[in-house]
Protein backbone atom coordinates (compact mmCIF):
# COMPACT_ATOMS: atom_id res chain seq x y z
CA MET A 1 0.00 0.00 0.00
CA LEU A 2 2.82 2.40 0.81
CA THR A 3 4.43 1.89 -2.60
CA GLN A 4 1.06 2.60 -4.20
CA MET A 5 0.92 5.88 -2.28
CA VAL A 6 4.42 6.79 -3.47
CA ASP A 7 3.44 5.96 -7.06
CA TRP A 8 0.32 8.11 -6.65
CA LEU A 9 2.39 11.03 -5.36
CA ILE A 10 4.72 10.83 -8.35
CA GLN A 11 1.74 10.61 -10.74
CA GLN A 12 0.32 13.84 -9.24
CA ASP A 13 3.36 15.92 -10.17
CA PRO A 14 3.74 16.24 -13.96
CA ALA A 15 7.35 17.43 -13.66
CA LEU A 16 8.33 14.51 -11.43
CA LEU A 17 6.50 12.04 -13.66
CA ALA A 18 8.25 13.45 -16.74
CA GLN A 19 11.61 13.28 -14.95
CA ARG A 20 11.04 9.66 -13.94
CA THR A 21 10.07 8.77 -17.51
CA SER A 22 13.13 10.53 -18.90
CA ASP A 23 15.40 8.87 -16.33
CA THR A 24 13.86 5.50 -17.13
CA ARG A 25 14.40 5.96 -20.87
CA ARG A 26 18.04 6.88 -20.35
CA TYR A 27 18.54 3.97 -17.96
CA ILE A 28 17.03 1.45 -20.39
CA VAL A 29 19.14 2.72 -23.31
CA GLU A 30 22.33 2.84 -21.23
CA GLN A 31 21.83 -0.66 -19.84
CA TRP A 32 20.96 -2.05 -23.28
CA CYS A 33 24.12 -0.56 -24.79
CA ARG A 34 26.22 -2.08 -21.99
CA THR A 35 24.92 -5.58 -22.60
CA HIS A 36 24.13 -5.74 -26.33
CA ASP A 37 26.03 -5.11 -29.53
CA ASP A 38 23.01 -3.91 -31.52
CA PRO A 39 21.62 -0.45 -30.70
CA ILE A 40 18.18 0.29 -29.30
CA ASP A 41 16.14 3.20 -30.67
CA GLU A 42 15.71 5.85 -27.95
CA ASP A 43 12.54 7.20 -29.54
CA GLU A 44 11.01 3.73 -29.59
CA VAL A 45 11.94 3.29 -25.93
CA ALA A 46 10.20 6.58 -25.14
CA LEU A 47 7.14 5.45 -27.09
CA PHE A 48 7.22 2.09 -25.28
CA LEU A 49 7.18 3.86 -21.92
CA CYS A 50 4.08 5.80 -23.01
CA ASP A 51 2.26 3.02 -24.91
CA GLU A 52 3.75 -0.47 -25.13
CA ARG A 53 1.40 -1.46 -27.95
CA ARG A 54 2.60 1.25 -30.35
CA SER A 55 6.32 0.68 -29.90
CA ALA A 56 8.30 -1.01 -32.67
CA LEU A 57 10.81 -2.54 -30.24
CA THR A 58 11.56 -6.22 -30.72
CA GLU A 59 10.09 -8.67 -28.22
CA ASP A 60 13.54 -9.07 -26.64
CA GLN A 61 13.87 -5.30 -26.32
CA LYS A 62 10.35 -5.02 -24.84
CA LEU A 63 11.13 -7.65 -22.20
CA PHE A 64 14.39 -5.89 -21.39
CA ALA A 65 12.66 -2.50 -21.20
CA LYS A 66 9.95 -3.88 -18.88
CA GLU A 67 12.59 -5.30 -16.55
CA LYS A 68 14.61 -2.08 -16.46
CA ARG A 69 11.46 0.04 -16.06
CA ALA A 70 10.54 -2.04 -13.00
CA GLU A 71 14.03 -1.49 -11.57
CA MET A 72 13.71 2.27 -12.03
CA LEU A 73 10.22 2.36 -10.48
CA ASP A 74 11.55 0.48 -7.47
CA CYS A 75 14.45 2.91 -7.24
CA TYR A 76 12.14 5.92 -7.31
CA ARG A 77 9.87 4.35 -4.67
CA THR A 78 12.82 3.68 -2.41
CA ALA A 79 14.19 7.18 -2.90
CA VAL A 80 10.89 8.85 -2.04
CA LEU A 81 10.43 6.67 1.04
CA ARG A 82 13.97 7.41 2.19
CA ILE A 83 13.39 11.15 1.74
CA PHE A 84 10.18 10.93 3.82
CA LEU A 85 12.02 8.94 6.47
CA CYS A 86 14.83 11.48 6.59
CA GLY A 87 12.34 14.31 6.98
CA GLU A 88 10.48 12.52 9.76
CA MET A 89 13.67 11.65 11.61
CA MET A 90 14.73 15.28 11.41
CA ARG A 91 11.29 16.44 12.62
CA LEU A 92 11.54 14.11 15.62
CA HIS A 93 15.15 15.21 16.26
CA MET A 94 16.37 11.66 15.62
CA ALA A 95 18.76 13.04 12.99
CA SER A 96 20.11 16.58 12.75
CA GLY A 97 20.14 16.64 8.95
CA PRO A 98 20.57 14.54 5.80
CA GLU A 99 24.23 13.81 6.57
CA ASP A 100 23.34 12.58 10.06
CA PHE A 101 20.48 10.51 8.62
CA LEU A 102 22.92 8.85 6.23
CA ARG A 103 25.45 8.25 8.99
CA VAL A 104 22.83 6.65 11.23
CA LEU A 105 20.97 4.48 8.73
CA SER A 106 23.34 3.81 5.89
CA PRO A 107 26.71 2.27 6.67
CA THR A 108 27.95 3.22 3.20
CA GLY A 109 26.49 6.72 3.31
CA GLU A 110 24.26 6.10 0.29
CA LEU A 111 20.77 7.54 0.26
CA LEU A 112 19.50 5.50 -2.69
CA THR A 113 19.92 1.83 -1.92
CA ALA A 114 17.52 -0.65 -3.48
CA SER A 115 15.67 -2.79 -1.00
């Protein structure tokens, strides 16, 4: 339920939704290029993210894009939840700021760790 609320929050902000879509497109293209010799069309990836049925990506590319899109959605959910947690810990004086939050809860100091 909490992840649904985070998704809803992102959907309510057109700028954030556009940023997530743009980040997802770049992530899919970058990951595809790292693992495949043949290129993937960035415009087709963007179309796929808007309407899977209209995209001319191959079935292999569609499966890859779905997997990477899910990874990015999970990353965004985790990031938003961590930001809320940081804010709440600061409000309750459990952490003095973002750096303290990272020191307390993240042994590596990373804010965006996938769960």
